Amino acid sequence: MDLSDIWQENKRFITTVGAGLLVFMIGWMIVDGMYMSDIQSVDRSNRRDRAKLKDPMFTSADRSLARDENEELNTRYDTILDVAAFQPRPEFRLDQANVKAQDVYANAIESVRDRLRNLASRKRAFLPEGLDIDMLKTRNIDALERNLHAIDLLDRAVEMALEAGVKQIRSVDISLDPAFRSRRGLGAIEKTQVTIDTVSTAEAIAVWILMCETPRPGDPEASVRLQALPIQSVDARRAASKSDEVRTRVTFLVVRVNEIEDPDATDA
């Protein structure tokens, strides 16, 4: 069988295969012309990156510098934490040896009530009955601790108010951070509000606020001024009783810094 016979018998097949090959070659040339330079560029980049990975990216000096910077950041964090976070006095801590948490809480409230009532009597000032503090009936240690710290701040703030010449404490309110009972849980910064409603002269209020914001940590006789008491808001307006007095609502914050678990660290 010669080529003429093969062609006649397989003409359609040969034509189809030839056309397909021609289309393939044309497509290949188009792709090569349009994209081959990009593919080669990416390939060269990958080879360079693989070559770089063979060599250490950081020297021992780099690691030493990073370690020093990390230690410095930790030191600064601890310093900021000491300034920002409320530091309760020993009698307002629940970790007292051989004393139940409920007893520490109850003893602290009675002690604060007695001390401030005596001070108010000497200063001829008015305090609300029982300092407007309702005794908690709970065994929730976290709730007791947060209220105990709020009472510590209240004790400091009211004592400074009386020393500054504030003549009337109308009411007191303690409000835990809303997130404390939220299903979402607490964030890194937790803020308990302690609001004190007063009536006195503007001068006495100004002196009081200045005392609250000016710590005297080195003075053993001024334990109420171990640290500044953060103030969230001050609402002052003229009192209805006397023209030379102002009614002032001051909201203090008991700031608590919580440790938040790193999800990446947990996964690792």
C-alpha atoms as a PDB file:
ATOM      1  CA  MET A   1       0.000   0.000   0.000  1.00  0.00           C
ATOM      2  CA  ASP A   2       1.510   3.308  -1.121  1.00  0.00           C
ATOM      3  CA  LEU A   3       1.098   6.741   0.421  1.00  0.00           C
ATOM      4  CA  SER A   4      -1.716   7.612  -1.979  1.00  0.00           C
ATOM      5  CA  ASP A   5      -3.781   4.692  -0.745  1.00  0.00           C
ATOM      6  CA  ILE A   6      -3.036   5.579   2.939  1.00  0.00           C
ATOM      7  CA  TRP A   7      -4.103   9.149   2.318  1.00  0.00           C
ATOM      8  CA  GLN A   8      -7.316   8.111   0.623  1.00  0.00           C
ATOM      9  CA  GLU A   9      -8.278   5.716   3.393  1.00  0.00           C
ATOM     10  CA  ASN A  10      -7.292   7.978   6.342  1.00  0.00           C
ATOM     11  CA  LYS A  11      -7.688  11.425   4.860  1.00  0.00           C
ATOM     12  CA  ARG A  12     -10.274  12.608   7.384  1.00  0.00           C
ATOM     13  CA  PHE A  13      -8.337  11.307  10.386  1.00  0.00           C
ATOM     14  CA  ILE A  14      -5.042  12.781   9.217  1.00  0.00           C
ATOM     15  CA  THR A  15      -6.688  16.121   8.494  1.00  0.00           C
ATOM     16  CA  THR A  16      -8.292  16.245  11.946  1.00  0.00           C
ATOM     17  CA  VAL A  17      -5.022  15.346  13.721  1.00  0.00           C
ATOM     18  CA  GLY A  18      -3.094  17.895  11.674  1.00  0.00           C
ATOM     19  CA  ALA A  19      -5.606  20.652  12.402  1.00  0.00           C
ATOM     20  CA  GLY A  20      -5.484  19.820  16.118  1.00  0.00           C
ATOM     21  CA  LEU A  21      -1.702  19.893  16.106  1.00  0.00           C
ATOM     22  CA  LEU A  22      -1.729  23.226  14.307  1.00  0.00           C
ATOM     23  CA  VAL A  23      -4.170  24.701  16.866  1.00  0.00           C
ATOM     24  CA  PHE A  24      -2.032  23.354  19.714  1.00  0.00           C
ATOM     25  CA  MET A  25       1.130  24.910  18.277  1.00  0.00           C
ATOM     26  CA  ILE A  26      -0.585  28.253  17.769  1.00  0.00           C
ATOM     27  CA  GLY A  27      -1.950  28.185  21.340  1.00  0.00           C
ATOM     28  CA  TRP A  28       1.439  27.238  22.728  1.00  0.00           C
ATOM     29  CA  MET A  29       3.087  30.150  20.936  1.00  0.00           C
ATOM     30  CA  ILE A  30       0.439  32.552  22.243  1.00  0.00           C
ATOM     31  CA  VAL A  31       0.833  31.342  25.849  1.00  0.00           C
ATOM     32  CA  ASP A  32       4.602  31.420  25.542  1.00  0.00           C
ATOM     33  CA  GLY A  33       4.532  34.960  24.226  1.00  0.00           C
ATOM     34  CA  MET A  34       2.079  36.272  26.814  1.00  0.00           C
ATOM     35  CA  TYR A  35       2.957  34.455  30.046  1.00  0.00           C
ATOM     36  CA  MET A  36       6.311  32.734  29.782  1.00  0.00           C
ATOM     37  CA  SER A  37       8.264  35.786  30.949  1.00  0.00           C
ATOM     38  CA  ASP A  38       6.046  35.994  34.047  1.00  0.00           C
ATOM     39  CA  ILE A  39       6.458  32.287  34.751  1.00  0.00           C
ATOM     40  CA  GLN A  40      10.227  32.564  34.401  1.00  0.00           C
ATOM     41  CA  SER A  41      10.264  35.610  36.697  1.00  0.00           C
ATOM     42  CA  VAL A  42       8.301  33.755  39.393  1.00  0.00           C
ATOM     43  CA  ASP A  43      10.573  30.756  39.024  1.00  0.00           C
ATOM     44  CA  ARG A  44      13.696  32.906  39.440  1.00  0.00           C
ATOM     45  CA  SER A  45      12.144  34.556  42.510  1.00  0.00           C
ATOM     46  CA  ASN A  46      11.370  31.155  44.048  1.00  0.00           C
ATOM     47  CA  ARG A  47      14.929  29.999  43.481  1.00  0.00           C
ATOM     48  CA  ARG A  48      16.298  33.142  45.151  1.00  0.00           C
ATOM     49  CA  ASP A  49      13.985  32.686  48.151  1.00  0.00           C
ATOM     50  CA  ARG A  50      15.005  29.033  48.532  1.00  0.00           C
ATOM     51  CA  ALA A  51      18.649  30.085  48.443  1.00  0.00           C
ATOM     52  CA  LYS A  52      18.040  32.688  51.164  1.00  0.00           C
ATOM     53  CA  LEU A  53      16.339  30.123  53.396  1.00  0.00           C
ATOM     54  CA  LYS A  54      19.515  28.052  53.456  1.00  0.00           C
ATOM     55  CA  ASP A  55      21.286  30.835  55.380  1.00  0.00           C
ATOM     56  CA  PRO A  56      20.296  31.967  58.948  1.00  0.00           C
ATOM     57  CA  MET A  57      18.034  35.038  58.787  1.00  0.00           C
ATOM     58  CA  PHE A  58      19.042  36.315  62.228  1.00  0.00           C
ATOM     59  CA  THR A  59      22.433  36.412  63.867  1.00  0.00           C
ATOM     60  CA  SER A  60      23.136  35.813  67.532  1.00  0.00           C
ATOM     61  CA  ALA A  61      23.447  39.590  67.907  1.00  0.00           C
ATOM     62  CA  ASP A  62      19.913  39.989  66.498  1.00  0.00           C
ATOM     63  CA  ARG A  63      18.557  37.434  68.968  1.00  0.00           C
ATOM     64  CA  SER A  64      20.358  39.114  71.842  1.00  0.00           C
ATOM     65  CA  LEU A  65      18.930  42.497  70.840  1.00  0.00           C
ATOM     66  CA  ALA A  66      15.404  41.061  70.598  1.00  0.00           C
ATOM     67  CA  ARG A  67      15.772  39.467  74.035  1.00  0.00           C
ATOM     68  CA  ASP A  68      16.928  42.772  75.556  1.00  0.00           C
ATOM     69  CA  GLU A  69      14.025  44.638  73.953  1.00  0.00           C
ATOM     70  CA  ASN A  70      11.574  42.035  75.260  1.00  0.00           C
ATOM     71  CA  GLU A  71      12.929  42.373  78.792  1.00  0.00           C
ATOM     72  CA  GLU A  72      12.664  46.160  78.565  1.00  0.00           C
ATOM     73  CA  LEU A  73       9.055  45.916  77.358  1.00  0.00           C
ATOM     74  CA  ASN A  74       8.204  43.558  80.226  1.00  0.00           C
ATOM     75  CA  THR A  75       9.754  45.994  82.699  1.00  0.00           C
ATOM     76  CA  ARG A  76       7.775  48.898  81.255  1.00  0.00           C
ATOM     77  CA  TYR A  77       4.586  46.819  81.328  1.00  0.00           C
ATOM     78  CA  ASP A  78       5.113  46.010  85.006  1.00  0.00           C
ATOM     79  CA  THR A  79       5.743  49.700  85.740  1.00  0.00           C
ATOM     80  CA  ILE A  80       2.563  50.779  83.946  1.00  0.00           C
ATOM     81  CA  LEU A  81       0.651  47.992  85.690  1.00  0.00           C
ATOM     82  CA  ASP A  82       1.812  49.202  89.108  1.00  0.00           C
ATOM     83  CA  VAL A  83       0.629  52.729  88.294  1.00  0.00           C
ATOM     84  CA  ALA A  84      -2.663  51.887  86.582  1.00  0.00           C
ATOM     85  CA  ALA A  85      -3.943  48.886  88.538  1.00  0.00           C
ATOM     86  CA  PHE A  86      -5.518  49.471  91.928  1.00  0.00           C
ATOM     87  CA  GLN A  87      -3.316  48.250  94.770  1.00  0.00           C
ATOM     88  CA  PRO A  88      -5.492  47.215  97.738  1.00  0.00           C
ATOM     89  CA  ARG A  89      -4.131  47.630 101.239  1.00  0.00           C
ATOM     90  CA  PRO A  90      -3.445  44.466 103.288  1.00  0.00           C
ATOM     91  CA  GLU A  91      -6.677  44.643 105.303  1.00  0.00           C
ATOM     92  CA  PHE A  92      -8.651  44.669 102.041  1.00  0.00           C
ATOM     93  CA  ARG A  93      -7.095  41.499 100.627  1.00  0.00           C
ATOM     94  CA  LEU A  94      -8.730  38.091 100.779  1.00  0.00           C
ATOM     95  CA  ASP A  95      -5.440  36.211 101.152  1.00  0.00           C
ATOM     96  CA  GLN A  96      -5.252  36.778 104.902  1.00  0.00           C
ATOM     97  CA  ALA A  97      -4.132  33.663 106.764  1.00  0.00           C
ATOM     98  CA  ASN A  98      -6.799  31.609 108.563  1.00  0.00           C
ATOM     99  CA  VAL A  99      -9.591  34.095 107.816  1.00  0.00           C
ATOM    100  CA  LYS A 100     -12.595  33.286 105.635  1.00  0.00           C
ATOM    101  CA  ALA A 101     -13.256  35.556 102.677  1.00  0.00           C
ATOM    102  CA  GLN A 102     -16.721  36.466 103.982  1.00  0.00           C
ATOM    103  CA  ASP A 103     -15.210  37.436 107.351  1.00  0.00           C
ATOM    104  CA  VAL A 104     -12.498  39.580 105.743  1.00  0.00           C
ATOM    105  CA  TYR A 105     -15.202  41.370 103.747  1.00  0.00           C
ATOM    106  CA  ALA A 106     -17.523  41.907 106.725  1.00  0.00           C
ATOM    107  CA  ASN A 107     -14.696  43.035 109.038  1.00  0.00           C
ATOM    108  CA  ALA A 108     -13.453  45.524 106.444  1.00  0.00           C
ATOM    109  CA  ILE A 109     -16.887  47.099 106.033  1.00  0.00           C
ATOM    110  CA  GLU A 110     -17.416  47.455 109.788  1.00  0.00           C
ATOM    111  CA  SER A 111     -13.940  48.908 110.226  1.00  0.00           C
ATOM    112  CA  VAL A 112     -14.462  51.463 107.438  1.00  0.00           C
ATOM    113  CA  ARG A 113     -17.882  52.463 108.766  1.00  0.00           C
ATOM    114  CA  ASP A 114     -16.566  53.004 112.300  1.00  0.00           C
ATOM    115  CA  ARG A 115     -13.448  54.871 111.219  1.00  0.00           C
ATOM    116  CA  LEU A 116     -15.221  57.229 108.853  1.00  0.00           C
ATOM    117  CA  ARG A 117     -18.112  57.814 111.243  1.00  0.00           C
ATOM    118  CA  ASN A 118     -15.648  58.891 113.945  1.00  0.00           C
ATOM    119  CA  LEU A 119     -13.734  61.102 111.529  1.00  0.00           C
ATOM    120  CA  ALA A 120     -16.958  62.712 110.267  1.00  0.00           C
ATOM    121  CA  SER A 121     -17.994  63.400 113.853  1.00  0.00           C
ATOM    122  CA  ARG A 122     -14.722  65.199 114.537  1.00  0.00           C
ATOM    123  CA  LYS A 123     -15.011  67.172 111.291  1.00  0.00           C
ATOM    124  CA  ARG A 124     -18.704  67.965 111.908  1.00  0.00           C
ATOM    125  CA  ALA A 125     -19.594  66.391 108.584  1.00  0.00           C
ATOM    126  CA  PHE A 126     -22.540  64.272 107.476  1.00  0.00           C
ATOM    127  CA  LEU A 127     -22.298  60.695 106.180  1.00  0.00           C
ATOM    128  CA  PRO A 128     -25.184  58.505 104.954  1.00  0.00           C
ATOM    129  CA  GLU A 129     -26.316  55.722 107.252  1.00  0.00           C
ATOM    130  CA  GLY A 130     -23.966  52.761 106.938  1.00  0.00           C
ATOM    131  CA  LEU A 131     -22.151  54.592 104.109  1.00  0.00           C
ATOM    132  CA  ASP A 132     -24.908  53.345 101.784  1.00  0.00           C
ATOM    133  CA  ILE A 133     -23.096  49.986 101.656  1.00  0.00           C
ATOM    134  CA  ASP A 134     -25.284  46.897 101.530  1.00  0.00           C
ATOM    135  CA  MET A 135     -23.577  43.830 102.971  1.00  0.00           C
ATOM    136  CA  LEU A 136     -23.203  41.201 100.251  1.00  0.00           C
ATOM    137  CA  LYS A 137     -24.750  37.819 100.947  1.00  0.00           C
ATOM    138  CA  THR A 138     -22.659  35.675  98.630  1.00  0.00           C
ATOM    139  CA  ARG A 139     -19.899  33.113  98.627  1.00  0.00           C
ATOM    140  CA  ASN A 140     -18.667  34.222  95.218  1.00  0.00           C
ATOM    141  CA  ILE A 141     -15.014  34.968  95.957  1.00  0.00           C
ATOM    142  CA  ASP A 142     -14.559  37.075  92.818  1.00  0.00           C
ATOM    143  CA  ALA A 143     -17.542  39.275  93.684  1.00  0.00           C
ATOM    144  CA  LEU A 144     -16.373  39.655  97.292  1.00  0.00           C
ATOM    145  CA  GLU A 145     -12.884  40.606  96.192  1.00  0.00           C
ATOM    146  CA  ARG A 146     -14.047  43.237  93.722  1.00  0.00           C
ATOM    147  CA  ASN A 147     -16.432  44.801  96.235  1.00  0.00           C
ATOM    148  CA  LEU A 148     -13.715  44.708  98.886  1.00  0.00           C
ATOM    149  CA  HIS A 149     -11.338  46.646  96.634  1.00  0.00           C
ATOM    150  CA  ALA A 150     -14.120  49.142  95.896  1.00  0.00           C
ATOM    151  CA  ILE A 151     -14.627  49.661  99.625  1.00  0.00           C
ATOM    152  CA  ASP A 152     -10.892  50.256 100.003  1.00  0.00           C
ATOM    153  CA  LEU A 153     -11.078  53.021  97.380  1.00  0.00           C
ATOM    154  CA  LEU A 154     -14.239  54.387  99.000  1.00  0.00           C
ATOM    155  CA  ASP A 155     -12.504  54.532 102.378  1.00  0.00           C
ATOM    156  CA  ARG A 156      -9.587  56.468 100.906  1.00  0.00           C
ATOM    157  CA  ALA A 157     -11.755  58.867  98.905  1.00  0.00           C
ATOM    158  CA  VAL A 158     -14.158  59.671 101.736  1.00  0.00           C
ATOM    159  CA  GLU A 159     -11.357  60.165 104.260  1.00  0.00           C
ATOM    160  CA  MET A 160      -9.634  62.601 101.904  1.00  0.00           C
ATOM    161  CA  ALA A 161     -12.964  64.367 101.313  1.00  0.00           C
ATOM    162  CA  LEU A 162     -13.445  64.897 105.040  1.00  0.00           C
ATOM    163  CA  GLU A 163      -9.855  66.051 105.474  1.00  0.00           C
ATOM    164  CA  ALA A 164     -10.324  68.507 102.584  1.00  0.00           C
ATOM    165  CA  GLY A 165     -13.328  70.077 104.318  1.00  0.00           C
ATOM    166  CA  VAL A 166     -16.209  68.428 102.474  1.00  0.00           C
ATOM    167  CA  LYS A 167     -19.145  68.714 104.867  1.00  0.00           C
ATOM    168  CA  GLN A 168     -21.698  66.348 103.368  1.00  0.00           C
ATOM    169  CA  ILE A 169     -21.528  62.945 101.675  1.00  0.00           C
ATOM    170  CA  ARG A 170     -25.070  62.437 100.391  1.00  0.00           C
ATOM    171  CA  SER A 171     -24.782  58.971  98.892  1.00  0.00           C
ATOM    172  CA  VAL A 172     -22.388  56.295  97.700  1.00  0.00           C
ATOM    173  CA  ASP A 173     -22.759  53.761  94.893  1.00  0.00           C
ATOM    174  CA  ILE A 174     -20.561  50.805  93.925  1.00  0.00           C
ATOM    175  CA  SER A 175     -21.062  49.295  90.471  1.00  0.00           C
ATOM    176  CA  LEU A 176     -19.026  46.359  89.192  1.00  0.00           C
ATOM    177  CA  ASP A 177     -17.881  46.264  85.597  1.00  0.00           C
ATOM    178  CA  PRO A 178     -20.867  45.107  83.458  1.00  0.00           C
ATOM    179  CA  ALA A 179     -18.608  42.510  81.841  1.00  0.00           C
ATOM    180  CA  PHE A 180     -18.182  40.790  85.210  1.00  0.00           C
ATOM    181  CA  ARG A 181     -21.541  39.073  84.787  1.00  0.00           C
ATOM    182  CA  SER A 182     -21.513  39.025  81.008  1.00  0.00           C
ATOM    183  CA  ARG A 183     -21.342  35.790  79.058  1.00  0.00           C
ATOM    184  CA  ARG A 184     -18.619  37.297  76.926  1.00  0.00           C
ATOM    185  CA  GLY A 185     -16.351  37.466  79.948  1.00  0.00           C
ATOM    186  CA  LEU A 186     -13.997  40.155  81.169  1.00  0.00           C
ATOM    187  CA  GLY A 187     -11.586  42.019  78.965  1.00  0.00           C
ATOM    188  CA  ALA A 188      -8.007  42.976  79.734  1.00  0.00           C
ATOM    189  CA  ILE A 189      -9.082  46.109  81.609  1.00  0.00           C
ATOM    190  CA  GLU A 190     -11.834  45.823  84.217  1.00  0.00           C
ATOM    191  CA  LYS A 191     -13.310  48.935  85.833  1.00  0.00           C
ATOM    192  CA  THR A 192     -15.445  49.016  88.953  1.00  0.00           C
ATOM    193  CA  GLN A 193     -17.163  52.376  89.492  1.00  0.00           C
ATOM    194  CA  VAL A 194     -17.379  54.051  92.892  1.00  0.00           C
ATOM    195  CA  THR A 195     -19.599  57.153  92.785  1.00  0.00           C
ATOM    196  CA  ILE A 196     -19.679  59.617  95.671  1.00  0.00           C
ATOM    197  CA  ASP A 197     -22.332  62.351  95.793  1.00  0.00           C
ATOM    198  CA  THR A 198     -21.257  65.358  97.890  1.00  0.00           C
ATOM    199  CA  VAL A 199     -22.346  68.867  98.860  1.00  0.00           C
ATOM    200  CA  SER A 200     -19.752  71.389  99.953  1.00  0.00           C
ATOM    201  CA  THR A 201     -17.960  74.562  98.952  1.00  0.00           C
ATOM    202  CA  ALA A 202     -16.200  74.649  95.614  1.00  0.00           C
ATOM    203  CA  GLU A 203     -12.863  75.191  97.382  1.00  0.00           C
ATOM    204  CA  ALA A 204     -13.254  72.034  99.480  1.00  0.00           C
ATOM    205  CA  ILE A 205     -14.218  69.991  96.405  1.00  0.00           C
ATOM    206  CA  ALA A 206     -11.186  71.294  94.490  1.00  0.00           C
ATOM    207  CA  VAL A 207      -8.833  70.421  97.356  1.00  0.00           C
ATOM    208  CA  TRP A 208     -10.407  66.967  97.642  1.00  0.00           C
ATOM    209  CA  ILE A 209     -10.011  66.142  93.966  1.00  0.00           C
ATOM    210  CA  LEU A 210      -6.415  67.395  94.018  1.00  0.00           C
ATOM    211  CA  MET A 211      -5.649  65.131  96.990  1.00  0.00           C
ATOM    212  CA  CYS A 212      -7.174  62.143  95.200  1.00  0.00           C
ATOM    213  CA  GLU A 213      -5.054  62.750  92.118  1.00  0.00           C
ATOM    214  CA  THR A 214      -1.803  63.453  93.991  1.00  0.00           C
ATOM    215  CA  PRO A 215      -0.294  60.341  95.610  1.00  0.00           C
ATOM    216  CA  ARG A 216       2.141  60.441  98.509  1.00  0.00           C
ATOM    217  CA  PRO A 217       3.515  56.883  98.547  1.00  0.00           C
ATOM    218  CA  GLY A 218       6.484  57.718 100.756  1.00  0.00           C
ATOM    219  CA  ASP A 219       4.419  59.095 103.627  1.00  0.00           C
ATOM    220  CA  PRO A 220       3.618  56.340 106.193  1.00  0.00           C
ATOM    221  CA  GLU A 221       0.935  58.563 107.772  1.00  0.00           C
ATOM    222  CA  ALA A 222      -0.905  58.972 104.479  1.00  0.00           C
ATOM    223  CA  SER A 223      -1.779  55.396 103.568  1.00  0.00           C
ATOM    224  CA  VAL A 224      -4.943  56.633 101.853  1.00  0.00           C
ATOM    225  CA  ARG A 225      -2.702  58.386  99.336  1.00  0.00           C
ATOM    226  CA  LEU A 226      -0.533  55.424  98.365  1.00  0.00           C
ATOM    227  CA  GLN A 227      -1.540  55.934  94.731  1.00  0.00           C
ATOM    228  CA  ALA A 228      -3.634  58.295  92.664  1.00  0.00           C
ATOM    229  CA  LEU A 229      -7.321  57.413  92.496  1.00  0.00           C
ATOM    230  CA  PRO A 230      -8.459  57.427  88.848  1.00  0.00           C
ATOM    231  CA  ILE A 231     -11.455  59.692  88.271  1.00  0.00           C
ATOM    232  CA  GLN A 232     -13.793  58.856  85.409  1.00  0.00           C
ATOM    233  CA  SER A 233     -16.098  61.860  85.698  1.00  0.00           C
ATOM    234  CA  VAL A 234     -16.965  64.904  87.792  1.00  0.00           C
ATOM    235  CA  ASP A 235     -20.473  66.353  87.627  1.00  0.00           C
ATOM    236  CA  ALA A 236     -20.748  69.636  89.563  1.00  0.00           C
ATOM    237  CA  ARG A 237     -23.659  72.027  89.796  1.00  0.00           C
ATOM    238  CA  ARG A 238     -24.844  74.719  92.190  1.00  0.00           C
ATOM    239  CA  ALA A 239     -26.480  73.282  95.299  1.00  0.00           C
ATOM    240  CA  ALA A 240     -30.113  74.140  95.958  1.00  0.00           C
ATOM    241  CA  SER A 241     -29.480  74.743  99.677  1.00  0.00           C
ATOM    242  CA  LYS A 242     -26.814  77.459  99.680  1.00  0.00           C
ATOM    243  CA  SER A 243     -25.471  79.727  96.968  1.00  0.00           C
ATOM    244  CA  ASP A 244     -21.841  79.186  98.001  1.00  0.00           C
ATOM    245  CA  GLU A 245     -22.054  75.375  97.831  1.00  0.00           C
ATOM    246  CA  VAL A 246     -21.937  72.935  94.929  1.00  0.00           C
ATOM    247  CA  ARG A 247     -23.345  69.460  94.577  1.00  0.00           C
ATOM    248  CA  THR A 248     -20.721  67.208  93.039  1.00  0.00           C
ATOM    249  CA  ARG A 249     -20.899  63.619  91.848  1.00  0.00           C
ATOM    250  CA  VAL A 250     -17.445  62.134  91.427  1.00  0.00           C
ATOM    251  CA  THR A 251     -17.036  58.690  89.862  1.00  0.00           C
ATOM    252  CA  PHE A 252     -13.801  56.896  90.700  1.00  0.00           C
ATOM    253  CA  LEU A 253     -12.482  53.755  89.028  1.00  0.00           C
ATOM    254  CA  VAL A 254     -11.034  50.651  90.616  1.00  0.00           C
ATOM    255  CA  VAL A 255      -8.912  49.471  87.701  1.00  0.00           C
ATOM    256  CA  ARG A 256      -8.073  45.797  87.464  1.00  0.00           C
ATOM    257  CA  VAL A 257      -5.796  44.351  84.776  1.00  0.00           C
ATOM    258  CA  ASN A 258      -6.732  40.798  83.817  1.00  0.00           C
ATOM    259  CA  GLU A 259      -4.524  38.317  82.045  1.00  0.00           C
ATOM    260  CA  ILE A 260      -6.039  37.371  78.697  1.00  0.00           C
ATOM    261  CA  GLU A 261      -5.131  33.960  77.355  1.00  0.00           C
ATOM    262  CA  ASP A 262      -3.477  34.092  73.934  1.00  0.00           C
ATOM    263  CA  PRO A 263      -5.446  31.776  71.600  1.00  0.00           C
ATOM    264  CA  ASP A 264      -2.387  31.332  69.378  1.00  0.00           C
ATOM    265  CA  ALA A 265      -0.352  30.167  72.361  1.00  0.00           C
ATOM    266  CA  THR A 266      -3.138  27.731  73.298  1.00  0.00           C
ATOM    267  CA  ASP A 267      -3.244  26.288  69.793  1.00  0.00           C
ATOM    268  CA  ALA A 268       0.502  25.907  69.809  1.00  0.00           C
END
